[in-house]
Protein backbone atom coordinates (compact mmCIF):
# COMPACT_ATOMS: atom_id res chain seq x y z
CA MET A 1 2.22 13.45 -5.76
CA ALA A 2 3.86 10.13 -5.07
CA ALA A 3 4.31 7.54 -7.79
CA THR A 4 1.41 5.11 -7.98
CA LEU A 5 3.66 2.06 -8.18
CA ALA A 6 5.56 3.16 -5.05
CA VAL A 7 2.33 3.58 -3.07
CA VAL A 8 1.01 0.22 -4.31
CA LEU A 9 4.27 -1.46 -3.29
CA ALA A 10 4.11 0.14 0.18
CA GLY A 11 0.50 -0.96 0.54
CA PHE A 12 1.33 -4.48 -0.60
CA LEU A 13 4.14 -4.74 1.94
CA HIS A 14 2.06 -3.36 4.78
CA ILE A 15 -1.39 -4.86 4.19
CA THR A 16 -0.46 -8.25 2.74
CA PHE A 17 2.64 -9.14 4.71
CA GLY A 18 2.07 -6.92 7.73
CA ILE A 19 5.65 -5.72 7.53
CA SER A 20 6.43 -3.03 10.06
CA ILE A 21 9.84 -1.45 9.51
CA PHE A 22 9.76 1.81 11.41
CA LEU A 23 7.54 0.98 14.41
CA ALA A 24 7.86 -2.00 16.71
CA PRO A 25 4.73 -4.14 16.28
CA ARG A 26 2.44 -4.57 19.26
CA ASP A 27 1.74 -7.94 20.83
CA GLY A 28 -1.10 -9.25 18.70
CA ARG A 29 -3.76 -6.91 17.36
CA CYS A 30 -4.97 -3.59 18.72
CA SER A 31 -8.31 -5.02 19.84
CA PRO A 32 -10.34 -8.19 19.31
CA ALA A 33 -12.22 -6.53 16.44
CA PRO A 34 -11.99 -7.98 12.91
CA PRO A 35 -9.13 -6.52 10.82
CA VAL A 36 -11.41 -5.22 8.01
CA ALA A 37 -11.65 -1.71 9.49
CA SER A 38 -7.86 -1.59 9.82
CA TRP A 39 -7.51 -2.50 6.15
CA ILE A 40 -9.96 0.24 5.14
CA PHE A 41 -8.01 2.75 7.24
CA SER A 42 -4.77 1.53 5.63
CA VAL A 43 -6.19 2.11 2.14
CA ALA A 44 -7.28 5.61 3.18
CA ALA A 45 -3.76 6.32 4.47
CA LEU A 46 -2.32 5.06 1.17
CA LEU A 47 -4.64 7.37 -0.78
CA LEU A 48 -3.42 10.23 1.39
CA ALA A 49 0.20 9.22 0.70
CA LYS A 50 -0.60 9.24 -3.02
CA ASP A 51 -1.78 12.85 -2.84
CA VAL A 52 1.18 14.17 -0.83
CA SER A 53 4.33 15.25 -2.64
CA LEU A 54 7.16 13.47 -0.83
CA TYR A 55 9.98 14.19 -3.27
CA PRO A 56 11.46 17.66 -3.85
CA LYS A 57 11.08 19.00 -7.38
CA SER A 58 14.73 20.05 -7.54
CA TYR A 59 15.82 16.36 -7.57
CA ILE A 60 13.41 15.26 -10.28
CA ASN A 61 16.26 14.05 -12.54
CA LEU A 62 16.90 11.00 -10.26
CA PRO A 63 13.90 8.73 -11.02
CA TYR A 64 15.02 5.61 -9.09
CA PHE A 65 15.83 7.64 -6.00
CA GLU A 66 12.39 9.23 -6.32
CA PHE A 67 10.78 5.78 -6.37
CA ALA A 68 12.69 4.75 -3.23
CA VAL A 69 11.77 7.95 -1.39
CA ASP A 70 8.11 7.61 -2.39
CA THR A 71 7.99 3.96 -1.29
CA ILE A 72 9.69 4.53 2.05
CA GLY A 73 7.69 7.70 2.72
CA SER A 74 4.41 5.95 1.93
CA LEU A 75 5.34 3.05 4.18
CA VAL A 76 6.19 5.42 7.04
CA MET A 77 2.88 7.28 6.62
CA VAL A 78 0.86 4.05 6.61
CA GLU A 79 2.71 2.62 9.61
CA LEU A 80 2.21 5.79 11.63
CA ALA A 81 -1.43 6.09 10.62
CA VAL A 82 -2.29 2.48 11.41
CA GLY A 83 0.12 1.81 14.26
CA VAL A 84 -0.45 4.98 16.23
CA VAL A 85 -3.69 6.66 15.14
CA TRP A 86 -5.86 3.67 14.26
CA CYS A 87 -4.75 1.48 17.16
CA SER A 88 -5.43 4.30 19.60
CA ILE A 89 -8.90 4.89 18.17
CA GLU A 90 -9.70 1.18 18.11
CA GLN A 91 -8.54 0.62 21.70
CA LEU A 92 -10.50 3.64 22.91
CA VAL A 93 -13.71 2.50 21.21
CA HIS A 94 -13.24 -1.05 22.50
CA GLN A 95 -12.78 0.10 26.10
CA VAL A 96 -15.72 2.53 25.96
CA LEU A 97 -18.04 -0.14 24.56
CA ARG A 98 -16.83 -2.62 27.14
CA LEU A 99 -17.54 -0.18 29.96
CA ILE A 100 -20.97 0.67 28.56
CA LEU A 101 -21.95 -2.99 28.24
CA LEU A 102 -20.78 -3.82 31.74
CA PHE A 103 -22.43 -0.67 33.16
CA LEU A 104 -25.77 -1.57 31.53
CA GLY A 105 -25.82 -4.87 33.40
CA MET A 106 -24.13 -7.47 31.22
CA LYS A 107 -22.42 -10.09 33.38
CA GLU A 108 -18.68 -10.28 33.00
CA GLU A 109 -18.80 -14.01 32.21
CA THR A 110 -21.22 -13.37 29.34
CA TYR A 111 -19.07 -10.50 28.05
CA LEU A 112 -15.92 -12.62 28.09
CA LEU A 113 -17.74 -15.49 26.39
CA LEU A 114 -18.98 -13.26 23.55
CA GLU A 115 -15.84 -11.16 23.16
CA PHE A 116 -13.49 -13.82 21.88
C-alpha cells in the first residue's frame, strides 16, 4: 500500500495544477464535457494507487526513497488512467451521442449551437 501523503501529493499535482509529466498533454480537453467526471475518475485512480503496493518490501529501510517511488508511481498511474483510459472513453461517448443526435434528426446548426 502506498503512503497516503504520497498519493495526496500526486493527486494535488495532477488535479489542481494539471501537471502531466509522463504523457504529452492533448490540445485542450478530451471532449466538450464538463471536467467533473474527469475529476471523479482521477480520485478513483488515486484510490486504486493507494491500494497497490508500489515499493518492494526488501527496501523498506529507505523511507524517503519509498515516498518518492510512491509519489511518482501514483502520478504515473493517474496520468495513464486519465490521459489514456478516461479520454478514450469520453471521446467515444461524445462521438456516439453526437451520431445518435444527428441520426435522430437534430440539425447540425442546432447541435453546434448547443454543444459549445
